[in-house]
Amino acid sequence: MKPTITIEYCPKCHWLLRAAYMAQELLTTFEDDLYGITLRPSEIAGRYTISLNDEKLFDRKEQGRFPDIKELKQAVRDKVNPDKNLGHSDAIVK
């Protein structure tokens, strides 16, 4: 079975649009590799976590920031399809 990503976000912080944007980007990039993406409003203020099945990929409080989409795509790719070329998201920034 293909993995599911869960994005848990703080609705009081108005992070639904950010979560929806990241979900759209991941679904577009990994449409053949993912079962789906769940957006889950958190009951904990300030929470923004992204997990693949039960494995946490990113936690805003631990990192002190939000992930940029490039790093998020690379993290998901490394777990679901390591051989996938991400095009411009794989380019090295100088």
PDB file of N, CA and C in Angstrom:
ATOM      1  N   MET A   1       0.838  -1.186   0.000  1.00  0.00           N
ATOM      2  CA  MET A   1       0.000   0.000   0.000  1.00  0.00           C
ATOM      3  C   MET A   1       0.885   1.252   0.000  1.00  0.00           C
ATOM      4  N   LYS A   2       0.463   2.241  -0.758  1.00  0.00           N
ATOM      5  CA  LYS A   2       1.209   3.496  -0.852  1.00  0.00           C
ATOM      6  C   LYS A   2       1.075   4.285   0.451  1.00  0.00           C
ATOM      7  N   PRO A   3       2.097   5.073   0.780  1.00  0.00           N
ATOM      8  CA  PRO A   3       2.061   5.832   2.034  1.00  0.00           C
ATOM      9  C   PRO A   3       1.123   7.041   1.976  1.00  0.00           C
ATOM     10  N   THR A   4       0.719   7.474   3.160  1.00  0.00           N
ATOM     11  CA  THR A   4      -0.119   8.663   3.318  1.00  0.00           C
ATOM     12  C   THR A   4       0.664   9.720   4.083  1.00  0.00           C
ATOM     13  N   ILE A   5       0.573  10.940   3.628  1.00  0.00           N
ATOM     14  CA  ILE A   5       1.182  12.068   4.325  1.00  0.00           C
ATOM     15  C   ILE A   5       0.096  12.765   5.128  1.00  0.00           C
ATOM     16  N   THR A   6       0.439  13.168   6.342  1.00  0.00           N
ATOM     17  CA  THR A   6      -0.462  13.949   7.180  1.00  0.00           C
ATOM     18  C   THR A   6       0.202  15.280   7.487  1.00  0.00           C
ATOM     19  N   ILE A   7      -0.510  16.347   7.211  1.00  0.00           N
ATOM     20  CA  ILE A   7      -0.049  17.682   7.586  1.00  0.00           C
ATOM     21  C   ILE A   7      -0.984  18.161   8.694  1.00  0.00           C
ATOM     22  N   GLU A   8      -0.426  18.284   9.884  1.00  0.00           N
ATOM     23  CA  GLU A   8      -1.201  18.770  11.027  1.00  0.00           C
ATOM     24  C   GLU A   8      -0.839  20.228  11.252  1.00  0.00           C
ATOM     25  N   TYR A   9      -1.850  21.081  11.238  1.00  0.00           N
ATOM     26  CA  TYR A   9      -1.617  22.522  11.272  1.00  0.00           C
ATOM     27  C   TYR A   9      -2.491  23.177  12.336  1.00  0.00           C
ATOM     28  N   CYS A  10      -2.076  24.335  12.784  1.00  0.00           N
ATOM     29  CA  CYS A  10      -2.834  25.093  13.780  1.00  0.00           C
ATOM     30  C   CYS A  10      -3.859  25.971  13.072  1.00  0.00           C
ATOM     31  N   PRO A  11      -5.159  25.676  13.245  1.00  0.00           N
ATOM     32  CA  PRO A  11      -6.172  26.507  12.594  1.00  0.00           C
ATOM     33  C   PRO A  11      -6.259  27.915  13.197  1.00  0.00           C
ATOM     34  N   LYS A  12      -5.931  28.047  14.480  1.00  0.00           N
ATOM     35  CA  LYS A  12      -5.981  29.362  15.128  1.00  0.00           C
ATOM     36  C   LYS A  12      -4.894  30.288  14.581  1.00  0.00           C
ATOM     37  N   CYS A  13      -3.819  29.685  14.056  1.00  0.00           N
ATOM     38  CA  CYS A  13      -2.725  30.463  13.456  1.00  0.00           C
ATOM     39  C   CYS A  13      -2.987  30.741  11.975  1.00  0.00           C
ATOM     40  N   HIS A  14      -4.092  30.218  11.465  1.00  0.00           N
ATOM     41  CA  HIS A  14      -4.489  30.412  10.059  1.00  0.00           C
ATOM     42  C   HIS A  14      -3.489  29.793   9.091  1.00  0.00           C
ATOM     43  N   TRP A  15      -3.056  28.569   9.391  1.00  0.00           N
ATOM     44  CA  TRP A  15      -2.071  27.890   8.547  1.00  0.00           C
ATOM     45  C   TRP A  15      -2.693  26.888   7.575  1.00  0.00           C
ATOM     46  N   LEU A  16      -4.015  26.906   7.425  1.00  0.00           N
ATOM     47  CA  LEU A  16      -4.664  25.998   6.490  1.00  0.00           C
ATOM     48  C   LEU A  16      -4.193  26.230   5.055  1.00  0.00           C
ATOM     49  N   LEU A  17      -4.101  27.481   4.620  1.00  0.00           N
ATOM     50  CA  LEU A  17      -3.667  27.747   3.246  1.00  0.00           C
ATOM     51  C   LEU A  17      -2.255  27.244   2.988  1.00  0.00           C
ATOM     52  N   ARG A  18      -1.374  27.406   3.951  1.00  0.00           N
ATOM     53  CA  ARG A  18      -0.001  26.895   3.821  1.00  0.00           C
ATOM     54  C   ARG A  18      -0.032  25.375   3.695  1.00  0.00           C
ATOM     55  N   ALA A  19      -0.823  24.724   4.538  1.00  0.00           N
ATOM     56  CA  ALA A  19      -0.921  23.265   4.505  1.00  0.00           C
ATOM     57  C   ALA A  19      -1.505  22.793   3.172  1.00  0.00           C
ATOM     58  N   ALA A  20      -2.535  23.488   2.687  1.00  0.00           N
ATOM     59  CA  ALA A  20      -3.157  23.116   1.414  1.00  0.00           C
ATOM     60  C   ALA A  20      -2.186  23.305   0.253  1.00  0.00           C
ATOM     61  N   TYR A  21      -1.410  24.377   0.280  1.00  0.00           N
ATOM     62  CA  TYR A  21      -0.405  24.614  -0.759  1.00  0.00           C
ATOM     63  C   TYR A  21       0.621  23.484  -0.778  1.00  0.00           C
ATOM     64  N   MET A  22       1.131  23.117   0.397  1.00  0.00           N
ATOM     65  CA  MET A  22       2.128  22.047   0.462  1.00  0.00           C
ATOM     66  C   MET A  22       1.524  20.716   0.015  1.00  0.00           C
ATOM     67  N   ALA A  23       0.280  20.467   0.386  1.00  0.00           N
ATOM     68  CA  ALA A  23      -0.395  19.243  -0.047  1.00  0.00           C
ATOM     69  C   ALA A  23      -0.511  19.216  -1.568  1.00  0.00           C
ATOM     70  N   GLN A  24      -0.890  20.322  -2.160  1.00  0.00           N
ATOM     71  CA  GLN A  24      -1.021  20.404  -3.620  1.00  0.00           C
ATOM     72  C   GLN A  24       0.318  20.139  -4.306  1.00  0.00           C
ATOM     73  N   GLU A  25       1.359  20.755  -3.814  1.00  0.00           N
ATOM     74  CA  GLU A  25       2.694  20.554  -4.390  1.00  0.00           C
ATOM     75  C   GLU A  25       3.124  19.094  -4.296  1.00  0.00           C
ATOM     76  N   LEU A  26       2.900  18.477  -3.142  1.00  0.00           N
ATOM     77  CA  LEU A  26       3.300  17.078  -2.964  1.00  0.00           C
ATOM     78  C   LEU A  26       2.455  16.137  -3.815  1.00  0.00           C
ATOM     79  N   LEU A  27       1.155  16.384  -3.898  1.00  0.00           N
ATOM     80  CA  LEU A  27       0.297  15.535  -4.723  1.00  0.00           C
ATOM     81  C   LEU A  27       0.647  15.658  -6.199  1.00  0.00           C
ATOM     82  N   THR A  28       0.987  16.848  -6.638  1.00  0.00           N
ATOM     83  CA  THR A  28       1.379  17.049  -8.034  1.00  0.00           C
ATOM     84  C   THR A  28       2.683  16.323  -8.340  1.00  0.00           C
ATOM     85  N   THR A  29       3.628  16.401  -7.437  1.00  0.00           N
ATOM     86  CA  THR A  29       4.946  15.796  -7.659  1.00  0.00           C
ATOM     87  C   THR A  29       4.926  14.284  -7.480  1.00  0.00           C
ATOM     88  N   PHE A  30       4.146  13.796  -6.524  1.00  0.00           N
ATOM     89  CA  PHE A  30       4.180  12.375  -6.159  1.00  0.00           C
ATOM     90  C   PHE A  30       2.843  11.676  -6.393  1.00  0.00           C
ATOM     91  N   GLU A  31       2.127  12.053  -7.448  1.00  0.00           N
ATOM     92  CA  GLU A  31       0.787  11.504  -7.674  1.00  0.00           C
ATOM     93  C   GLU A  31       0.783   9.986  -7.829  1.00  0.00           C
ATOM     94  N   ASP A  32       1.867   9.401  -8.328  1.00  0.00           N
ATOM     95  CA  ASP A  32       1.935   7.951  -8.488  1.00  0.00           C
ATOM     96  C   ASP A  32       2.519   7.232  -7.265  1.00  0.00           C
ATOM     97  N   ASP A  33       3.059   8.007  -6.324  1.00  0.00           N
ATOM     98  CA  ASP A  33       3.789   7.423  -5.202  1.00  0.00           C
ATOM     99  C   ASP A  33       3.047   7.483  -3.877  1.00  0.00           C
ATOM    100  N   LEU A  34       1.987   8.295  -3.801  1.00  0.00           N
ATOM    101  CA  LEU A  34       1.276   8.494  -2.541  1.00  0.00           C
ATOM    102  C   LEU A  34      -0.156   7.991  -2.625  1.00  0.00           C
ATOM    103  N   TYR A  35      -0.650   7.487  -1.521  1.00  0.00           N
ATOM    104  CA  TYR A  35      -2.054   7.118  -1.415  1.00  0.00           C
ATOM    105  C   TYR A  35      -2.902   8.384  -1.300  1.00  0.00           C
ATOM    106  N   GLY A  36      -2.382   9.325  -0.522  1.00  0.00           N
ATOM    107  CA  GLY A  36      -3.102  10.576  -0.343  1.00  0.00           C
ATOM    108  C   GLY A  36      -2.447  11.445   0.710  1.00  0.00           C
ATOM    109  N   ILE A  37      -3.052  12.609   0.924  1.00  0.00           N
ATOM    110  CA  ILE A  37      -2.576  13.545   1.941  1.00  0.00           C
ATOM    111  C   ILE A  37      -3.766  13.957   2.790  1.00  0.00           C
ATOM    112  N   THR A  38      -3.575  13.905   4.094  1.00  0.00           N
ATOM    113  CA  THR A  38      -4.603  14.315   5.044  1.00  0.00           C
ATOM    114  C   THR A  38      -4.202  15.644   5.658  1.00  0.00           C
ATOM    115  N   LEU A  39      -5.127  16.599   5.661  1.00  0.00           N
ATOM    116  CA  LEU A  39      -4.921  17.849   6.381  1.00  0.00           C
ATOM    117  C   LEU A  39      -5.687  17.745   7.683  1.00  0.00           C
ATOM    118  N   ARG A  40      -4.966  17.866   8.795  1.00  0.00           N
ATOM    119  CA  ARG A  40      -5.581  17.670  10.105  1.00  0.00           C
ATOM    120  C   ARG A  40      -5.418  18.929  10.963  1.00  0.00           C
ATOM    121  N   PRO A  41      -6.527  19.580  11.331  1.00  0.00           N
ATOM    122  CA  PRO A  41      -6.423  20.709  12.253  1.00  0.00           C
ATOM    123  C   PRO A  41      -5.965  20.209  13.622  1.00  0.00           C
ATOM    124  N   SER A  42      -4.989  20.901  14.176  1.00  0.00           N
ATOM    125  CA  SER A  42      -4.436  20.500  15.469  1.00  0.00           C
ATOM    126  C   SER A  42      -5.175  21.185  16.608  1.00  0.00           C
ATOM    127  N   GLU A  43      -5.262  20.482  17.713  1.00  0.00           N
ATOM    128  CA  GLU A  43      -5.821  21.076  18.922  1.00  0.00           C
ATOM    129  C   GLU A  43      -4.733  21.751  19.743  1.00  0.00           C
ATOM    130  N   ILE A  44      -3.487  21.602  19.318  1.00  0.00           N
ATOM    131  CA  ILE A  44      -2.344  22.190  20.017  1.00  0.00           C
ATOM    132  C   ILE A  44      -1.924  23.457  19.280  1.00  0.00           C
ATOM    133  N   ALA A  45      -1.945  24.586  19.970  1.00  0.00           N
ATOM    134  CA  ALA A  45      -1.620  25.875  19.357  1.00  0.00           C
ATOM    135  C   ALA A  45      -0.197  25.876  18.802  1.00  0.00           C
ATOM    136  N   GLY A  46      -0.049  26.411  17.610  1.00  0.00           N
ATOM    137  CA  GLY A  46       1.267  26.572  16.999  1.00  0.00           C
ATOM    138  C   GLY A  46       1.836  25.330  16.343  1.00  0.00           C
ATOM    139  N   ARG A  47       1.085  24.253  16.308  1.00  0.00           N
ATOM    140  CA  ARG A  47       1.609  23.013  15.738  1.00  0.00           C
ATOM    141  C   ARG A  47       1.547  23.049  14.206  1.00  0.00           C
ATOM    142  N   TYR A  48       2.637  22.596  13.593  1.00  0.00           N
ATOM    143  CA  TYR A  48       2.682  22.378  12.141  1.00  0.00           C
ATOM    144  C   TYR A  48       3.664  21.242  11.918  1.00  0.00           C
ATOM    145  N   THR A  49       3.135  20.044  11.752  1.00  0.00           N
ATOM    146  CA  THR A  49       3.985  18.879  11.542  1.00  0.00           C
ATOM    147  C   THR A  49       3.580  18.173  10.257  1.00  0.00           C
ATOM    148  N   ILE A  50       4.566  17.540   9.651  1.00  0.00           N
ATOM    149  CA  ILE A  50       4.332  16.765   8.440  1.00  0.00           C
ATOM    150  C   ILE A  50       4.901  15.378   8.681  1.00  0.00           C
ATOM    151  N   SER A  51       4.062  14.355   8.476  1.00  0.00           N
ATOM    152  CA  SER A  51       4.523  12.985   8.689  1.00  0.00           C
ATOM    153  C   SER A  51       4.132  12.107   7.512  1.00  0.00           C
ATOM    154  N   LEU A  52       4.913  11.079   7.330  1.00  0.00           N
ATOM    155  CA  LEU A  52       4.682  10.068   6.303  1.00  0.00           C
ATOM    156  C   LEU A  52       4.343   8.795   7.045  1.00  0.00           C
ATOM    157  N   ASN A  53       3.105   8.350   6.918  1.00  0.00           N
ATOM    158  CA  ASN A  53       2.569   7.292   7.781  1.00  0.00           C
ATOM    159  C   ASN A  53       2.791   7.731   9.221  1.00  0.00           C
ATOM    160  N   ASP A  54       3.574   7.035   9.998  1.00  0.00           N
ATOM    161  CA  ASP A  54       3.794   7.448  11.392  1.00  0.00           C
ATOM    162  C   ASP A  54       5.162   8.075  11.626  1.00  0.00           C
ATOM    163  N   GLU A  55       5.906   8.334  10.556  1.00  0.00           N
ATOM    164  CA  GLU A  55       7.254   8.897  10.681  1.00  0.00           C
ATOM    165  C   GLU A  55       7.221  10.402  10.470  1.00  0.00           C
ATOM    166  N   LYS A  56       7.660  11.145  11.479  1.00  0.00           N
ATOM    167  CA  LYS A  56       7.672  12.604  11.377  1.00  0.00           C
ATOM    168  C   LYS A  56       8.773  13.040  10.408  1.00  0.00           C
ATOM    169  N   LEU A  57       8.394  13.846   9.424  1.00  0.00           N
ATOM    170  CA  LEU A  57       9.366  14.394   8.480  1.00  0.00           C
ATOM    171  C   LEU A  57       9.771  15.812   8.851  1.00  0.00           C
ATOM    172  N   PHE A  58       8.838  16.549   9.447  1.00  0.00           N
ATOM    173  CA  PHE A  58       9.136  17.940   9.777  1.00  0.00           C
ATOM    174  C   PHE A  58       8.243  18.402  10.918  1.00  0.00           C
ATOM    175  N   ASP A  59       8.845  19.178  11.819  1.00  0.00           N
ATOM    176  CA  ASP A  59       8.114  19.761  12.946  1.00  0.00           C
ATOM    177  C   ASP A  59       8.544  21.214  13.083  1.00  0.00           C
ATOM    178  N   ARG A  60       7.611  22.125  12.881  1.00  0.00           N
ATOM    179  CA  ARG A  60       7.923  23.555  12.910  1.00  0.00           C
ATOM    180  C   ARG A  60       8.531  23.982  14.245  1.00  0.00           C
ATOM    181  N   LYS A  61       8.012  23.444  15.348  1.00  0.00           N
ATOM    182  CA  LYS A  61       8.531  23.847  16.658  1.00  0.00           C
ATOM    183  C   LYS A  61       9.964  23.353  16.866  1.00  0.00           C
ATOM    184  N   GLU A  62      10.260  22.139  16.407  1.00  0.00           N
ATOM    185  CA  GLU A  62      11.621  21.608  16.546  1.00  0.00           C
ATOM    186  C   GLU A  62      12.608  22.360  15.658  1.00  0.00           C
ATOM    187  N   GLN A  63      12.178  22.682  14.442  1.00  0.00           N
ATOM    188  CA  GLN A  63      13.058  23.337  13.472  1.00  0.00           C
ATOM    189  C   GLN A  63      13.093  24.859  13.631  1.00  0.00           C
ATOM    190  N   GLY A  64      12.073  25.414  14.272  1.00  0.00           N
ATOM    191  CA  GLY A  64      12.015  26.861  14.448  1.00  0.00           C
ATOM    192  C   GLY A  64      11.635  27.610  13.176  1.00  0.00           C
ATOM    193  N   ARG A  65      11.031  26.892  12.226  1.00  0.00           N
ATOM    194  CA  ARG A  65      10.668  27.485  10.941  1.00  0.00           C
ATOM    195  C   ARG A  65       9.747  26.528  10.198  1.00  0.00           C
ATOM    196  N   PHE A  66       9.223  26.987   9.088  1.00  0.00           N
ATOM    197  CA  PHE A  66       8.464  26.123   8.193  1.00  0.00           C
ATOM    198  C   PHE A  66       9.428  25.530   7.169  1.00  0.00           C
ATOM    199  N   PRO A  67       9.098  24.359   6.620  1.00  0.00           N
ATOM    200  CA  PRO A  67       9.959  23.810   5.565  1.00  0.00           C
ATOM    201  C   PRO A  67       9.737  24.589   4.268  1.00  0.00           C
ATOM    202  N   ASP A  68      10.805  24.707   3.462  1.00  0.00           N
ATOM    203  CA  ASP A  68      10.528  25.220   2.132  1.00  0.00           C
ATOM    204  C   ASP A  68      10.132  24.025   1.278  1.00  0.00           C
ATOM    205  N   ILE A  69       9.431  24.284   0.211  1.00  0.00           N
ATOM    206  CA  ILE A  69       8.844  23.198  -0.560  1.00  0.00           C
ATOM    207  C   ILE A  69       9.908  22.297  -1.172  1.00  0.00           C
ATOM    208  N   LYS A  70      11.038  22.865  -1.532  1.00  0.00           N
ATOM    209  CA  LYS A  70      12.128  22.075  -2.117  1.00  0.00           C
ATOM    210  C   LYS A  70      12.624  21.024  -1.123  1.00  0.00           C
ATOM    211  N   GLU A  71      12.897  21.428   0.101  1.00  0.00           N
ATOM    212  CA  GLU A  71      13.396  20.469   1.085  1.00  0.00           C
ATOM    213  C   GLU A  71      12.335  19.435   1.450  1.00  0.00           C
ATOM    214  N   LEU A  72      11.070  19.854   1.455  1.00  0.00           N
ATOM    215  CA  LEU A  72       9.992  18.920   1.754  1.00  0.00           C
ATOM    216  C   LEU A  72       9.867  17.868   0.658  1.00  0.00           C
ATOM    217  N   LYS A  73       9.924  18.299  -0.593  1.00  0.00           N
ATOM    218  CA  LYS A  73       9.860  17.349  -1.704  1.00  0.00           C
ATOM    219  C   LYS A  73      11.033  16.374  -1.657  1.00  0.00           C
ATOM    220  N   GLN A  74      12.205  16.867  -1.332  1.00  0.00           N
ATOM    221  CA  GLN A  74      13.379  15.984  -1.246  1.00  0.00           C
ATOM    222  C   GLN A  74      13.214  14.971  -0.128  1.00  0.00           C
ATOM    223  N   ALA A  75      12.679  15.390   1.012  1.00  0.00           N
ATOM    224  CA  ALA A  75      12.477  14.477   2.145  1.00  0.00           C
ATOM    225  C   ALA A  75      11.463  13.395   1.794  1.00  0.00           C
ATOM    226  N   VAL A  76      10.372  13.785   1.129  1.00  0.00           N
ATOM    227  CA  VAL A  76       9.361  12.806   0.728  1.00  0.00           C
ATOM    228  C   VAL A  76       9.934  11.872  -0.326  1.00  0.00           C
ATOM    229  N   ARG A  77      10.613  12.418  -1.317  1.00  0.00           N
ATOM    230  CA  ARG A  77      11.222  11.608  -2.366  1.00  0.00           C
ATOM    231  C   ARG A  77      12.164  10.552  -1.790  1.00  0.00           C
ATOM    232  N   ASP A  78      12.988  10.962  -0.830  1.00  0.00           N
ATOM    233  CA  ASP A  78      13.955  10.041  -0.225  1.00  0.00           C
ATOM    234  C   ASP A  78      13.271   8.856   0.442  1.00  0.00           C
ATOM    235  N   LYS A  79      12.022   9.037   0.870  1.00  0.00           N
ATOM    236  CA  LYS A  79      11.278   7.968   1.537  1.00  0.00           C
ATOM    237  C   LYS A  79      10.427   7.134   0.578  1.00  0.00           C
ATOM    238  N   VAL A  80       9.804   7.770  -0.411  1.00  0.00           N
ATOM    239  CA  VAL A  80       8.827   7.051  -1.227  1.00  0.00           C
ATOM    240  C   VAL A  80       9.342   6.601  -2.587  1.00  0.00           C
ATOM    241  N   ASN A  81      10.337   7.328  -3.136  1.00  0.00           N
ATOM    242  CA  ASN A  81      10.846   6.983  -4.464  1.00  0.00           C
ATOM    243  C   ASN A  81      12.240   7.595  -4.637  1.00  0.00           C
ATOM    244  N   PRO A  82      13.259   6.995  -3.993  1.00  0.00           N
ATOM    245  CA  PRO A  82      14.598   7.590  -3.979  1.00  0.00           C
ATOM    246  C   PRO A  82      15.208   7.851  -5.351  1.00  0.00           C
ATOM    247  N   ASP A  83      14.764   7.148  -6.375  1.00  0.00           N
ATOM    248  CA  ASP A  83      15.331   7.335  -7.707  1.00  0.00           C
ATOM    249  C   ASP A  83      14.625   8.428  -8.514  1.00  0.00           C
ATOM    250  N   LYS A  84      13.588   9.018  -7.966  1.00  0.00           N
ATOM    251  CA  LYS A  84      12.804  10.023  -8.688  1.00  0.00           C
ATOM    252  C   LYS A  84      13.613  11.305  -8.865  1.00  0.00           C
ATOM    253  N   ASN A  85      13.638  11.814 -10.092  1.00  0.00           N
ATOM    254  CA  ASN A  85      14.288  13.084 -10.387  1.00  0.00           C
ATOM    255  C   ASN A  85      13.287  14.199 -10.123  1.00  0.00           C
ATOM    256  N   LEU A  86      13.662  15.151  -9.300  1.00  0.00           N
ATOM    257  CA  LEU A  86      12.774  16.257  -8.963  1.00  0.00           C
ATOM    258  C   LEU A  86      13.012  17.487  -9.835  1.00  0.00           C
ATOM    259  N   GLY A  87      13.810  17.335 -10.855  1.00  0.00           N
ATOM    260  CA  GLY A  87      14.055  18.474 -11.764  1.00  0.00           C
ATOM    261  C   GLY A  87      14.681  19.644 -11.034  1.00  0.00           C
ATOM    262  N   HIS A  88      14.046  20.820 -11.133  1.00  0.00           N
ATOM    263  CA  HIS A  88      14.605  22.023 -10.524  1.00  0.00           C
ATOM    264  C   HIS A  88      14.711  21.929  -9.003  1.00  0.00           C
ATOM    265  N   SER A  89      13.930  21.070  -8.380  1.00  0.00           N
ATOM    266  CA  SER A  89      14.020  20.916  -6.923  1.00  0.00           C
ATOM    267  C   SER A  89      15.263  20.128  -6.510  1.00  0.00           C
ATOM    268  N   ASP A  90      15.928  19.508  -7.481  1.00  0.00           N
ATOM    269  CA  ASP A  90      17.182  18.813  -7.190  1.00  0.00           C
ATOM    270  C   ASP A  90      18.396  19.674  -7.496  1.00  0.00           C
ATOM    271  N   ALA A  91      18.173  20.817  -8.137  1.00  0.00           N
ATOM    272  CA  ALA A  91      19.286  21.681  -8.518  1.00  0.00           C
ATOM    273  C   ALA A  91      19.983  22.214  -7.275  1.00  0.00           C
ATOM    274  N   ILE A  92      21.293  22.264  -7.355  1.00  0.00           N
ATOM    275  CA  ILE A  92      22.100  22.804  -6.247  1.00  0.00           C
ATOM    276  C   ILE A  92      22.140  24.314  -6.361  1.00  0.00           C
ATOM    277  N   VAL A  93      21.799  24.982  -5.285  1.00  0.00           N
ATOM    278  CA  VAL A  93      21.819  26.439  -5.257  1.00  0.00           C
ATOM    279  C   VAL A  93      23.207  26.900  -4.872  1.00  0.00           C
ATOM    280  N   LYS A  94      23.757  27.821  -5.670  1.00  0.00           N
ATOM    281  CA  LYS A  94      25.109  28.357  -5.394  1.00  0.00           C
ATOM    282  C   LYS A  94      25.022  29.765  -4.874  1.00  0.00           C
TER     283      LYS A  94
END
